[in-house]
Protein backbone atom coordinates (compact mmCIF):
# COMPACT_ATOMS: atom_id res chain seq x y z
CA UNK A 1 86.41 5.30 -30.75
CA UNK A 2 85.17 8.86 -30.89
CA UNK A 3 83.35 10.06 -27.75
CA UNK A 4 84.69 7.28 -25.50
CA UNK A 5 86.75 9.72 -23.43
CA UNK A 6 89.69 8.10 -21.59
CA UNK A 7 88.54 4.61 -22.70
CA UNK A 8 88.92 5.44 -26.38
CA UNK A 9 92.52 4.16 -26.82
CA UNK A 10 91.72 0.87 -25.02
CA UNK A 11 88.59 0.32 -27.12
CA UNK A 12 90.56 0.99 -30.31
CA UNK A 13 93.28 -1.43 -29.19
CA UNK A 14 90.72 -4.19 -28.51
CA UNK A 15 89.06 -3.68 -31.91
CA UNK A 16 92.42 -3.95 -33.68
CA UNK A 17 93.63 -6.94 -31.64
CA UNK A 18 90.56 -9.20 -31.90
CA UNK A 19 91.09 -11.37 -35.00
CA UNK A 20 89.83 -14.78 -36.08
CA UNK A 21 91.91 -17.83 -36.99
CA UNK A 22 92.69 -16.41 -40.42
CA UNK A 23 93.92 -13.14 -38.95
CA UNK A 24 90.88 -11.21 -40.12
CA UNK A 25 89.36 -8.59 -37.77
CA UNK A 26 86.32 -9.76 -35.85
CA UNK A 27 83.27 -7.51 -36.17
CA UNK A 28 82.62 -5.71 -32.86
CA UNK A 29 80.05 -3.05 -32.04
CA UNK A 30 81.01 -0.41 -29.45
CA UNK A 31 78.52 1.76 -27.59
CA UNK A 32 79.05 4.23 -24.74
CA UNK A 33 76.53 3.52 -21.99
CA UNK A 34 74.42 6.52 -21.10
CA UNK A 35 72.06 7.62 -18.36
CA UNK A 36 71.90 5.22 -15.40
CA UNK A 37 73.53 2.30 -17.24
CA UNK A 38 77.22 2.97 -16.37
CA UNK A 39 76.65 3.19 -12.61
CA UNK A 40 76.47 -0.58 -12.05
CA UNK A 41 79.88 -1.10 -13.67
CA UNK A 42 81.85 1.67 -11.96
CA UNK A 43 83.02 -0.48 -9.07
CA UNK A 44 86.75 -0.37 -9.68
CA UNK A 45 86.98 -3.22 -12.23
CA UNK A 46 88.31 -2.12 -15.60
CA UNK A 47 86.77 -5.07 -17.46
CA UNK A 48 83.37 -6.56 -16.63
CA UNK A 49 81.76 -9.52 -18.45
CA UNK A 50 77.98 -8.97 -18.14
CA UNK A 51 75.86 -11.96 -17.19
CA UNK A 52 72.88 -13.04 -19.33
CA UNK A 53 70.34 -11.00 -17.35
CA UNK A 54 72.45 -7.86 -17.54
CA UNK A 55 73.19 -8.36 -21.23
CA UNK A 56 69.49 -8.78 -21.96
CA UNK A 57 68.91 -5.28 -20.61
CA UNK A 58 71.64 -3.82 -22.78
CA UNK A 59 71.21 -5.33 -26.27
CA UNK A 60 68.43 -6.83 -28.40
CA UNK A 61 68.56 -10.55 -29.16
CA UNK A 62 71.25 -11.38 -26.57
CA UNK A 63 71.24 -15.08 -27.59
CA UNK A 64 73.05 -14.22 -30.82
CA UNK A 65 75.89 -12.54 -28.93
CA UNK A 66 79.13 -14.55 -28.99
CA UNK A 67 81.11 -12.16 -26.83
CA UNK A 68 80.37 -9.12 -24.69
CA UNK A 69 82.43 -7.01 -22.32
CA UNK A 70 82.08 -3.66 -20.55
CA UNK A 71 85.15 -1.47 -20.21
CA UNK A 72 84.75 0.98 -17.32
CA UNK A 73 86.67 3.80 -15.69
CA UNK A 74 85.76 6.66 -13.37
CA UNK A 75 84.40 8.66 -16.31
CA UNK A 76 81.94 6.12 -17.71
CA UNK A 77 81.57 2.77 -19.43
CA UNK A 78 81.67 1.35 -22.99
CA UNK A 79 79.89 -1.84 -24.08
CA UNK A 80 81.63 -4.02 -26.70
CA UNK A 81 79.47 -6.69 -28.38
CA UNK A 82 80.30 -9.24 -31.09
CA UNK A 83 77.99 -11.69 -32.87
CA UNK A 84 80.78 -13.18 -34.98
CA UNK A 85 82.31 -16.64 -34.25
CA UNK A 86 85.56 -15.05 -33.19
CA UNK A 87 83.74 -12.94 -30.59
CA UNK A 88 84.46 -15.55 -27.91
CA UNK A 89 87.94 -14.07 -27.54
CA UNK A 90 86.61 -10.59 -26.81
CA UNK A 91 86.75 -10.80 -23.01
CA UNK A 92 90.28 -12.29 -22.75
CA UNK A 93 91.67 -9.77 -25.25
CA UNK A 94 90.01 -6.85 -23.46
CA UNK A 95 91.25 -8.07 -20.08
CA UNK A 96 94.80 -8.42 -21.38
CA UNK A 97 94.91 -4.96 -22.91
CA UNK A 98 93.31 -3.39 -19.83
CA UNK A 99 95.90 -5.07 -17.59
CA UNK A 100 98.76 -3.97 -19.84
CA UNK A 101 97.55 -0.36 -19.79
CA UNK A 102 96.44 -0.23 -16.16
CA UNK A 103 99.40 1.85 -15.02
CA UNK A 104 98.96 4.26 -17.91
CA UNK A 105 95.21 4.47 -17.24
CA UNK A 106 95.92 5.26 -13.60
CA UNK A 107 98.28 8.03 -14.63
CA UNK A 108 95.68 9.45 -16.99
CA UNK A 109 93.06 9.38 -14.23
CA UNK A 110 95.44 11.12 -11.87
CA UNK A 111 96.27 13.81 -14.42
CA UNK A 112 92.59 14.24 -15.15
CA UNK A 113 91.86 14.67 -11.45
CA UNK A 114 94.69 17.19 -11.08
CA UNK A 115 93.43 19.13 -14.12
CA UNK A 116 89.96 19.19 -12.59
CA UNK A 117 91.45 20.47 -9.35
CA UNK A 118 93.29 23.27 -11.12
CA UNK A 119 90.19 24.18 -13.13
CA UNK A 120 88.08 24.31 -9.97
CA UNK A 121 90.66 26.49 -8.24
CA UNK A 122 90.87 28.86 -11.19
CA UNK A 123 87.08 29.12 -11.35
CA UNK A 124 87.00 30.11 -7.68
CA UNK A 125 89.83 32.58 -8.27
CA UNK A 126 88.07 34.25 -11.19
CA UNK A 127 84.95 34.65 -9.10
CA UNK A 128 86.79 36.10 -6.10
CA UNK A 129 89.04 38.52 -7.98
CA UNK A 130 86.06 39.92 -9.91
CA UNK A 131 84.47 41.20 -6.68
CA UNK A 132 84.97 44.60 -5.06
CA UNK A 133 82.46 44.35 -2.23
CA UNK A 134 84.55 43.25 0.76
CA UNK A 135 81.72 41.70 2.78
CA UNK A 136 80.54 39.60 -0.16
CA UNK A 137 84.10 38.69 -1.13
CA UNK A 138 85.16 37.33 2.27
CA UNK A 139 81.96 35.32 2.69
CA UNK A 140 82.29 33.83 -0.79
CA UNK A 141 85.92 32.94 -0.11
CA UNK A 142 85.04 31.31 3.21
CA UNK A 143 82.22 29.27 1.69
CA UNK A 144 84.36 28.15 -1.25
CA UNK A 145 87.32 27.13 0.93
CA UNK A 146 85.16 25.31 3.47
CA UNK A 147 83.50 23.29 0.72
CA UNK A 148 86.78 22.56 -1.06
CA UNK A 149 88.50 21.26 2.08
CA UNK A 150 85.57 19.16 3.25
CA UNK A 151 85.65 20.92 6.61
CA UNK A 152 82.60 20.78 8.84
CA UNK A 153 83.01 24.49 9.43
CA UNK A 154 85.39 27.24 8.39
CA UNK A 155 86.19 30.79 9.48
CA UNK A 156 88.01 33.70 7.88
CA UNK A 157 89.44 36.30 10.24
CA UNK A 158 90.47 39.35 8.23
CA UNK A 159 91.91 42.79 8.95
CA UNK A 160 90.54 46.11 7.75
CA UNK A 161 91.72 49.68 8.26
CA UNK A 162 89.24 52.40 9.17
CA UNK A 163 89.31 55.98 7.90
CA UNK A 164 91.56 57.08 10.78
CA UNK A 165 94.18 54.45 9.92
CA UNK A 166 93.31 52.09 12.79
CA UNK A 167 93.26 48.35 12.11
CA UNK A 168 90.43 46.13 13.26
CA UNK A 169 89.51 42.46 12.77
CA UNK A 170 86.25 40.95 11.51
CA UNK A 171 85.33 37.38 10.68
CA UNK A 172 83.00 35.29 8.55
CA UNK A 173 81.79 31.72 9.12
CA UNK A 174 80.71 28.89 6.88
CA UNK A 175 79.02 25.64 7.80
CA UNK A 176 77.69 26.85 11.14
CA UNK A 177 75.51 29.78 12.25
CA UNK A 178 77.27 32.85 13.58
CA UNK A 179 75.73 32.22 17.01
CA UNK A 180 78.01 29.20 17.37
CA UNK A 181 80.98 31.52 17.93
CA UNK A 182 79.43 34.86 18.93
CA UNK A 183 79.94 34.35 22.67
CA UNK A 184 83.64 33.47 22.36
CA UNK A 185 86.46 36.04 22.33
CA UNK A 186 88.52 36.66 19.22
CA UNK A 187 91.40 34.17 18.89
CA UNK A 188 94.70 35.29 20.35
CA UNK A 189 98.18 34.95 18.92
CA UNK A 190 98.90 31.67 20.75
CA UNK A 191 101.34 28.98 19.65
CA UNK A 192 98.61 27.31 17.59
CA UNK A 193 97.38 30.49 15.91
CA UNK A 194 100.68 32.41 15.61
CA UNK A 195 101.89 30.80 12.36
CA UNK A 196 98.65 31.90 10.69
CA UNK A 197 98.32 35.40 12.13
CA UNK A 198 102.03 36.08 11.61
CA UNK A 199 101.91 34.77 8.03
CA UNK A 200 104.55 32.10 8.65
CA UNK A 201 102.79 29.26 6.82
CA UNK A 202 100.10 26.62 6.79
CA UNK A 203 99.30 24.49 9.85
CA UNK A 204 97.70 21.08 9.21
CA UNK A 205 97.08 18.66 12.06
CA UNK A 206 95.40 15.27 12.07
CA UNK A 207 94.45 15.89 15.71
CA UNK A 208 95.06 19.38 17.04
CA UNK A 209 94.25 18.29 20.60
CA UNK A 210 97.33 16.04 20.47
CA UNK A 211 99.57 18.80 19.09
CA UNK A 212 102.31 19.86 21.54
CA UNK A 213 101.40 23.53 20.95
CA UNK A 214 97.81 23.01 22.08
CA UNK A 215 96.30 23.80 25.48
CA UNK A 216 99.00 25.90 27.17
CA UNK A 217 97.22 29.25 27.43
CA UNK A 218 94.99 30.48 30.26
CA UNK A 219 92.16 30.78 30.93
CA UNK A 220 90.86 27.92 28.75
CA UNK A 221 93.96 25.76 28.22
CA UNK A 222 92.39 24.55 25.01
CA UNK A 223 88.95 25.25 23.58
CA UNK A 224 86.41 27.21 25.62
CA UNK A 225 83.48 25.31 27.06
CA UNK A 226 80.73 24.99 24.47
CA UNK A 227 83.14 25.36 21.52
CA UNK A 228 82.40 23.11 18.56
CA UNK A 229 84.62 20.00 18.72
CA UNK A 230 87.75 20.26 16.58
CA UNK A 231 90.16 17.38 16.00
CA UNK A 232 91.26 17.79 12.38
CA UNK A 233 92.65 21.30 11.98
CA UNK A 234 93.82 23.30 8.96
CA UNK A 235 94.84 26.98 9.00
CA UNK A 236 96.21 29.06 6.10
CA UNK A 237 97.42 32.68 6.26
CA UNK A 238 96.15 35.21 3.70
CA UNK A 239 99.11 37.40 2.74
CA UNK A 240 99.09 40.34 0.31
CA UNK A 241 101.25 39.49 -2.74
CA UNK A 242 102.12 43.17 -3.20
CA UNK A 243 102.93 44.41 0.31
CA UNK A 244 103.56 41.17 2.20
CA UNK A 245 101.03 42.31 4.81
CA UNK A 246 99.07 39.59 6.57
CA UNK A 247 95.48 40.31 5.64
CA UNK A 248 93.96 37.53 7.72
CA UNK A 249 93.71 33.77 7.95
CA UNK A 250 91.47 30.84 7.09
CA UNK A 251 90.70 28.27 9.82
CA UNK A 252 88.99 24.95 9.16
CA UNK A 253 87.84 22.30 11.61
CA UNK A 254 86.32 18.83 11.72
CA UNK A 255 85.33 16.72 14.73
CA UNK A 256 86.99 13.60 13.26
CA UNK A 257 90.72 13.03 13.06
CA UNK A 258 92.77 12.80 9.87
CA UNK A 259 90.27 14.55 7.60
CA UNK A 260 92.59 17.07 5.90
CA UNK A 261 95.06 15.88 3.25
CA UNK A 262 97.77 17.49 1.14
CA UNK A 263 95.13 18.01 -1.55
CA UNK A 264 92.95 19.97 0.88
CA UNK A 265 95.99 21.99 1.94
CA UNK A 266 96.75 22.78 -1.70
CA UNK A 267 93.19 23.92 -2.34
CA UNK A 268 93.04 26.05 0.80
CA UNK A 269 96.35 27.73 -0.04
CA UNK A 270 95.22 28.38 -3.60
CA UNK A 271 91.97 29.98 -2.46
CA UNK A 272 93.89 32.00 0.15
CA UNK A 273 96.14 33.33 -2.61
CA UNK A 274 93.19 34.42 -4.72
CA UNK A 275 91.48 35.88 -1.64
CA UNK A 276 94.60 37.95 -0.92
CA UNK A 277 94.61 39.42 -4.44
CA UNK A 278 90.87 40.11 -4.25
CA UNK A 279 91.16 41.74 -0.81
CA UNK A 280 94.02 43.94 -2.01
CA UNK A 281 91.89 45.09 -4.95
CA UNK A 282 88.77 45.59 -2.84
CA UNK A 283 90.58 47.56 -0.12
CA UNK A 284 92.27 49.77 -2.71
CA UNK A 285 88.93 50.37 -4.41
CA UNK A 286 87.29 51.09 -1.06
CA UNK A 287 89.94 53.67 -0.18
CA UNK A 288 89.68 55.39 -3.55
CA UNK A 289 85.89 55.28 -3.41
CA UNK A 290 85.88 56.86 0.05
CA UNK A 291 88.38 59.53 -1.03
CA UNK A 292 86.38 60.35 -4.17
CA UNK A 293 83.13 60.49 -2.19
CA UNK A 294 84.56 62.74 0.50
CA UNK A 295 86.23 64.96 -2.09
CA UNK A 296 82.96 65.29 -4.00
CA UNK A 297 80.95 65.97 -0.85
CA UNK A 298 83.44 68.57 0.36
CA UNK A 299 82.95 70.57 -2.83
CA UNK A 300 79.16 70.48 -2.78
CA UNK A 301 77.62 73.80 -1.80
CA UNK A 302 75.28 74.57 1.06
CA UNK A 303 71.96 75.25 -0.67
CA UNK A 304 70.99 78.88 -0.03
CA UNK A 305 67.53 80.14 0.88
CA UNK A 306 65.99 81.83 -2.17
CA UNK A 307 62.94 84.08 -1.65
CA UNK A 308 59.91 82.68 -3.46
CA UNK A 309 61.58 79.40 -4.41
CA UNK A 310 61.41 75.99 -2.74
CA UNK A 311 64.56 73.95 -3.38
CA UNK A 312 65.36 70.25 -3.02
CA UNK A 313 68.93 69.15 -3.74
CA UNK A 314 70.47 65.72 -3.50
CA UNK A 315 73.88 64.14 -4.05
CA UNK A 316 74.16 60.36 -3.66
CA UNK A 317 77.44 58.59 -4.44
CA UNK A 318 77.15 55.36 -6.40
CA UNK A 319 75.73 52.61 -4.19
CA UNK A 320 77.47 49.92 -6.27
CA UNK A 321 80.16 49.78 -8.93
CA UNK A 322 83.04 52.17 -9.55
CA UNK A 323 81.40 55.22 -11.16
CA UNK A 324 81.83 57.75 -8.39
CA UNK A 325 83.20 61.24 -8.02
CA UNK A 326 82.18 63.26 -11.11
CA UNK A 327 78.62 64.55 -10.54
CA UNK A 328 77.78 67.87 -8.92
CA UNK A 329 75.15 70.57 -8.55
CA UNK A 330 75.26 74.22 -7.55
CA UNK A 331 72.79 76.95 -6.64
CA UNK A 332 74.26 80.46 -6.90
CA UNK A 333 72.59 83.70 -5.74
CA UNK A 334 73.47 86.55 -8.09
CA UNK A 335 73.92 90.21 -7.21
CA UNK A 336 71.17 91.16 -9.68
CA UNK A 337 68.62 89.19 -7.63
CA UNK A 338 68.58 86.18 -9.96
CA UNK A 339 69.60 82.63 -9.20
CA UNK A 340 71.84 80.33 -11.24
CA UNK A 341 71.20 76.57 -11.20
CA UNK A 342 73.95 74.20 -12.33
CA UNK A 343 74.03 70.43 -12.81
CA UNK A 344 76.99 68.58 -14.32
CA UNK A 345 78.81 65.30 -14.78
CA UNK A 346 82.49 64.68 -15.50
CA UNK A 347 83.01 61.83 -17.94
CA UNK A 348 85.11 59.42 -15.86
CA UNK A 349 85.14 58.34 -12.25
CA UNK A 350 87.26 58.22 -9.13
CA UNK A 351 89.55 60.84 -7.62
CA UNK A 352 90.54 62.19 -11.04
CA UNK A 353 86.93 62.89 -11.99
CA UNK A 354 86.29 64.51 -8.59
CA UNK A 355 89.33 66.77 -9.03
CA UNK A 356 88.24 67.83 -12.53
CA UNK A 357 84.75 68.44 -11.21
CA UNK A 358 86.15 70.75 -8.53
CA UNK A 359 88.01 72.85 -11.08
CA UNK A 360 85.04 73.10 -13.44
CA UNK A 361 82.61 73.90 -10.63
CA UNK A 362 84.88 76.70 -9.38
CA UNK A 363 85.18 78.16 -12.89
CA UNK A 364 81.40 78.10 -13.42
CA UNK A 365 80.78 79.73 -10.05
CA UNK A 366 83.34 82.47 -10.81
CA UNK A 367 81.87 83.25 -14.23
CA UNK A 368 78.34 83.10 -12.79
CA UNK A 369 79.16 85.76 -10.22
CA UNK A 370 80.25 87.97 -13.13
CA UNK A 371 76.69 87.43 -14.45
CA UNK A 372 77.77 86.21 -17.86
CA UNK A 373 74.86 84.92 -19.99
CA UNK A 374 74.52 81.12 -20.07
CA UNK A 375 75.87 80.76 -23.62
CA UNK A 376 78.94 82.91 -22.94
CA UNK A 377 79.59 81.26 -19.58
CA UNK A 378 79.63 77.76 -21.05
CA UNK A 379 81.85 78.87 -23.94
CA UNK A 380 84.49 80.23 -21.53
CA UNK A 381 84.30 77.17 -19.26
CA UNK A 382 84.60 74.85 -22.28
CA UNK A 383 87.86 76.53 -23.27
CA UNK A 384 89.15 76.10 -19.73
CA UNK A 385 88.08 72.43 -19.59
CA UNK A 386 89.89 71.71 -22.84
CA UNK A 387 93.11 73.08 -21.37
CA UNK A 388 93.09 70.91 -18.25
CA UNK A 389 95.98 68.48 -17.92
CA UNK A 390 93.72 65.45 -17.82
CA UNK A 391 91.94 64.91 -21.12
CA UNK A 392 88.33 65.21 -19.98
CA UNK A 393 85.03 66.50 -21.10
CA UNK A 394 82.10 67.49 -18.96
CA UNK A 395 78.36 67.70 -19.48
CA UNK A 396 76.60 70.66 -17.87
CA UNK A 397 73.18 72.31 -17.84
CA UNK A 398 73.25 75.97 -16.73
CA UNK A 399 70.07 77.99 -16.10
CA UNK A 400 69.42 81.44 -14.63
CA UNK A 401 66.10 82.45 -13.11
CA UNK A 402 65.15 86.14 -13.50
CA UNK A 403 62.55 86.84 -10.78
CA UNK A 404 61.57 90.19 -12.28
CA UNK A 405 60.87 88.94 -15.80
CA UNK A 406 59.65 85.56 -14.56
CA UNK A 407 61.85 83.74 -17.08
CA UNK A 408 64.48 81.04 -17.18
CA UNK A 409 67.49 81.52 -19.50
CA UNK A 410 69.50 78.36 -20.11
CA UNK A 411 72.15 76.60 -22.19
CA UNK A 412 73.08 72.94 -22.29
CA UNK A 413 76.53 71.43 -22.90
CA UNK A 414 75.74 67.82 -23.79
CA UNK A 415 73.79 67.10 -20.59
CA UNK A 416 70.42 65.39 -20.21
CA UNK A 417 67.53 67.78 -20.84
CA UNK A 418 66.00 69.64 -17.92
CA UNK A 419 62.33 69.17 -17.08
CA UNK A 420 59.79 71.96 -16.65
CA UNK A 421 56.80 71.13 -14.46
CA UNK A 422 53.78 73.16 -15.51
CA UNK A 423 50.85 73.50 -13.11
CA UNK A 424 48.03 71.40 -14.50
CA UNK A 425 50.06 70.25 -17.52
CA UNK A 426 52.43 67.43 -18.48
CA UNK A 427 56.20 67.69 -17.78
CA UNK A 428 58.20 69.29 -20.60
CA UNK A 429 61.81 68.47 -21.46
CA UNK A 430 63.90 71.49 -22.44
CA UNK A 431 67.41 72.00 -23.74
CA UNK A 432 67.81 68.61 -25.37
CA UNK A 433 70.83 68.19 -27.70
CA UNK A 434 71.67 71.90 -27.83
CA UNK A 435 75.47 71.54 -27.89
CA UNK A 436 78.46 69.30 -27.29
CA UNK A 437 80.01 68.81 -23.83
CA UNK A 438 82.45 71.22 -22.22
CA UNK A 439 85.98 70.62 -23.45
CA UNK A 440 84.63 69.66 -26.87
CA UNK A 441 81.97 72.22 -27.85
CA UNK A 442 82.67 75.80 -28.90
CA UNK A 443 79.22 77.34 -29.27
CA UNK A 444 76.35 76.93 -26.81
CA UNK A 445 72.99 78.25 -28.02
CA UNK A 446 70.93 79.97 -25.36
CA UNK A 447 67.19 79.50 -24.92
CA UNK A 448 64.56 81.06 -22.68
CA UNK A 449 61.41 79.67 -21.05
CA UNK A 450 58.63 81.22 -19.02
CA UNK A 451 58.89 80.42 -15.33
CA UNK A 452 55.78 81.82 -13.63
CA UNK A 453 54.64 80.98 -10.08
CA UNK A 454 53.56 77.35 -9.74
CA UNK A 455 56.17 76.15 -12.25
CA UNK A 456 58.93 73.70 -11.35
CA UNK A 457 62.35 72.88 -12.76
CA UNK A 458 64.17 69.53 -12.40
CA UNK A 459 67.86 69.11 -13.21
CA UNK A 460 69.47 65.67 -12.72
CA UNK A 461 72.38 63.44 -13.72
CA UNK A 462 72.14 60.12 -15.53
CA UNK A 463 72.64 57.97 -12.42
CA UNK A 464 68.98 58.67 -11.58
CA UNK A 465 67.63 57.12 -14.78
CA UNK A 466 70.33 54.82 -16.18
CA UNK A 467 72.40 51.88 -15.00
CA UNK A 468 73.82 48.56 -16.13
CA UNK A 469 70.35 47.05 -15.95
CA UNK A 470 68.33 50.24 -16.58
CA UNK A 471 67.82 51.65 -20.07
CA UNK A 472 68.26 55.44 -20.33
CA UNK A 473 65.18 56.09 -22.48
CA UNK A 474 62.94 53.93 -20.29
CA UNK A 475 64.43 55.55 -17.19
CA UNK A 476 63.55 59.04 -18.41
CA UNK A 477 60.04 57.90 -19.29
CA UNK A 478 59.60 56.52 -15.77
CA UNK A 479 60.89 59.77 -14.28
CA UNK A 480 58.52 61.90 -16.38
CA UNK A 481 55.57 59.70 -15.41
CA UNK A 482 56.45 59.92 -11.72
CA UNK A 483 56.94 63.70 -11.72
CA UNK A 484 53.28 64.25 -12.49
CA UNK A 485 52.37 63.21 -8.94
CA UNK A 486 55.38 64.69 -7.13
CA UNK A 487 54.59 66.98 -4.23
CA UNK A 488 56.10 70.46 -4.22
CA UNK A 489 56.97 72.63 -1.24
CA UNK A 490 56.85 71.07 2.22
CA UNK A 491 57.43 67.32 2.04
CA UNK A 492 59.11 67.48 -1.36
CA UNK A 493 62.40 66.21 0.06
CA UNK A 494 60.84 63.03 1.40
CA UNK A 495 58.93 62.59 -1.87
CA UNK A 496 62.19 62.78 -3.82
CA UNK A 497 63.87 60.24 -1.55
CA UNK A 498 61.03 57.80 -2.24
CA UNK A 499 61.18 58.50 -5.98
CA UNK A 500 64.95 57.92 -6.11
CA UNK A 501 64.46 54.62 -4.31
CA UNK A 502 61.66 53.62 -6.70
CA UNK A 503 63.70 54.48 -9.81
CA UNK A 504 66.98 52.88 -8.72
CA UNK A 505 65.99 50.23 -6.18
CA UNK A 506 68.81 51.60 -4.03
CA UNK A 507 71.34 49.92 -6.35
CA UNK A 508 72.39 52.84 -8.57
CA UNK A 509 75.87 52.16 -9.99
CA UNK A 510 76.59 55.83 -10.78
CA UNK A 511 76.44 59.04 -8.79
CA UNK A 512 73.14 60.90 -8.60
CA UNK A 513 72.88 64.67 -8.37
CA UNK A 514 69.65 66.65 -8.72
CA UNK A 515 68.00 70.00 -8.17
CA UNK A 516 64.27 70.54 -7.92
CA UNK A 517 63.15 74.19 -8.03
CA UNK A 518 59.55 75.11 -7.34
CA UNK A 519 58.41 78.69 -7.96
CA UNK A 520 56.10 79.13 -5.02
CA UNK A 521 52.73 80.70 -5.88
CA UNK A 522 52.34 84.03 -4.12
CA UNK A 523 56.07 84.11 -3.32
CA UNK A 524 58.31 87.11 -3.53
CA UNK A 525 60.14 85.96 -6.63
C-alpha cells in the first residue's frame, strides 16, 4: 500500500492473505487515518478491532461492513474495511500476520528511531559547524545538548586564549538563568570533575550524591548551599580533534535519579564532537581576524593637519563575516603644497589581503611623494601589483588637490566613484568606470574637477554601501541622499559615525574605509 509507511508490508500481506472459500481474494479497502484519527489507536496494540461507535465515525454506512480492523504503529494507523462476505476473517488474518511480523516490526521501529537520532545529531552538527561567532556557538551548543539529553539544566565551561597567550575559562547555561550560578566559584578539578576537565572521558551517574568520588573536597564537601539539586549527572569533555587539547566540558543535571541513559550519553558525546570542531574553526578564525585587523590598523596613517581643509577619516573592520583586512585610506602631504587622497580595497580578505594592501599602500605613497600625476602613478602601481607573488588585484581611487589652482586631479582603478559635494547643489559622482583595477589595467585616464571653497569630497569602500543583505546600487542611493544633510567642519566626525550606523545597522560584513574632505570657506587652501 503506497503511503502507508512502515505498515505498508503488513497491509499488503493482509490483502493478499484474505481469501474466500473458493480461494478468491476478498475485496478490502485500505485508508491511512489522518489528522486526529490515529491518536486513539496508538496505544501499543498493533491490531485494533473498532467497535460500532468508533466505526461509525470512520466510514459511511457501517452496517454494511462485514469486517474492519485498524493496524497501528508509532508512525500512524491504517483502516482496513471489507463489505464482502469473506470480510469476517479480516481481523483474525490481520492479527496473525501482525503477530508473525512483530519482531521484524520492532526492529524496523528501532532502526527508524536510530536513523532519526542520527539525523537530529547531524542537523545540530551542521548548525554548529557553520558558526564562527564563539559566543553564539557555545550558547547554541549548550541549548541543543541540554534539550537532547532531557536535562533540567546544562552548562558548558570552555577555554579561550587572550591576545597575550593567557588561557581563561567562561561558561554558558541552559535551562536556568545565569543568576542561579553567578554567586558560586568556578568548578575545580576534583575527583568528580577531573575526567571531564582532563579529557579522560564521559561521566554518567544515576545519583552523583551516591558516587564514591563525591563530597570529599573542602570547603563544601559536596554542592554549595543554595546550589540547584543534582542527582542524575552527565558530563562530557570537549576535545579538539586536531590538537587533542581539552577545549572545555558539558555538564548536565537533573534533580531526579536515573534520568540519563546510554542514548543521552551518545547524543551528548556527538554534540560535544561537533562543538569541538566548531570551536576549533571559530578560534582559528578569531585569531586570523584579530591578526588581520591589527595588521591593517598598524598600516593606517595618522591623518595630517592640512591648512584650509577639514578631514574625517574612518577605518572599521568587518563587524561580522570574514571579509577583513584589505581596505585602506591615505592622506599624503606633498612638497608642492598639494595633498593626495587615496582609498583602496584589495580583492580578498584575511592576513593575505592585509599584506598585499601594505605593499600597495607603500608603493602608492612612494610614487606620490615623487609627485607623479594620478594616471602615471596608477600605471606604475598596477605593474607592481601584477608582479606580486599572490595573484591579486586591487581597486583604488587616487586624487590630488592643488590648492593654488583650486582643482582636483584624479584617476580611478576599478574603484567605486568618488562623490563631490557642491555647496547648494546635489552630490555628484565622479570617476565612475574609468579603468580596470590595479594588477589588471594598463592605462588609467586622468580627469580634473573644480574644487573651490565650500566643496567636499567623499571617498569610500564598498563595505559602507553593500553587504549580503544590502544591494550596492540601493546602498549608493541611500548614501547620496544622506550626504545632502551631512554637516561639514566641526561635528562632522560624529555625523559620519551616525551615518555609518544608519547605513549598515552596525552589522557590516566587510571592512569600511572612508575619507571626507571639506574645503573650508575662507581657508588658506
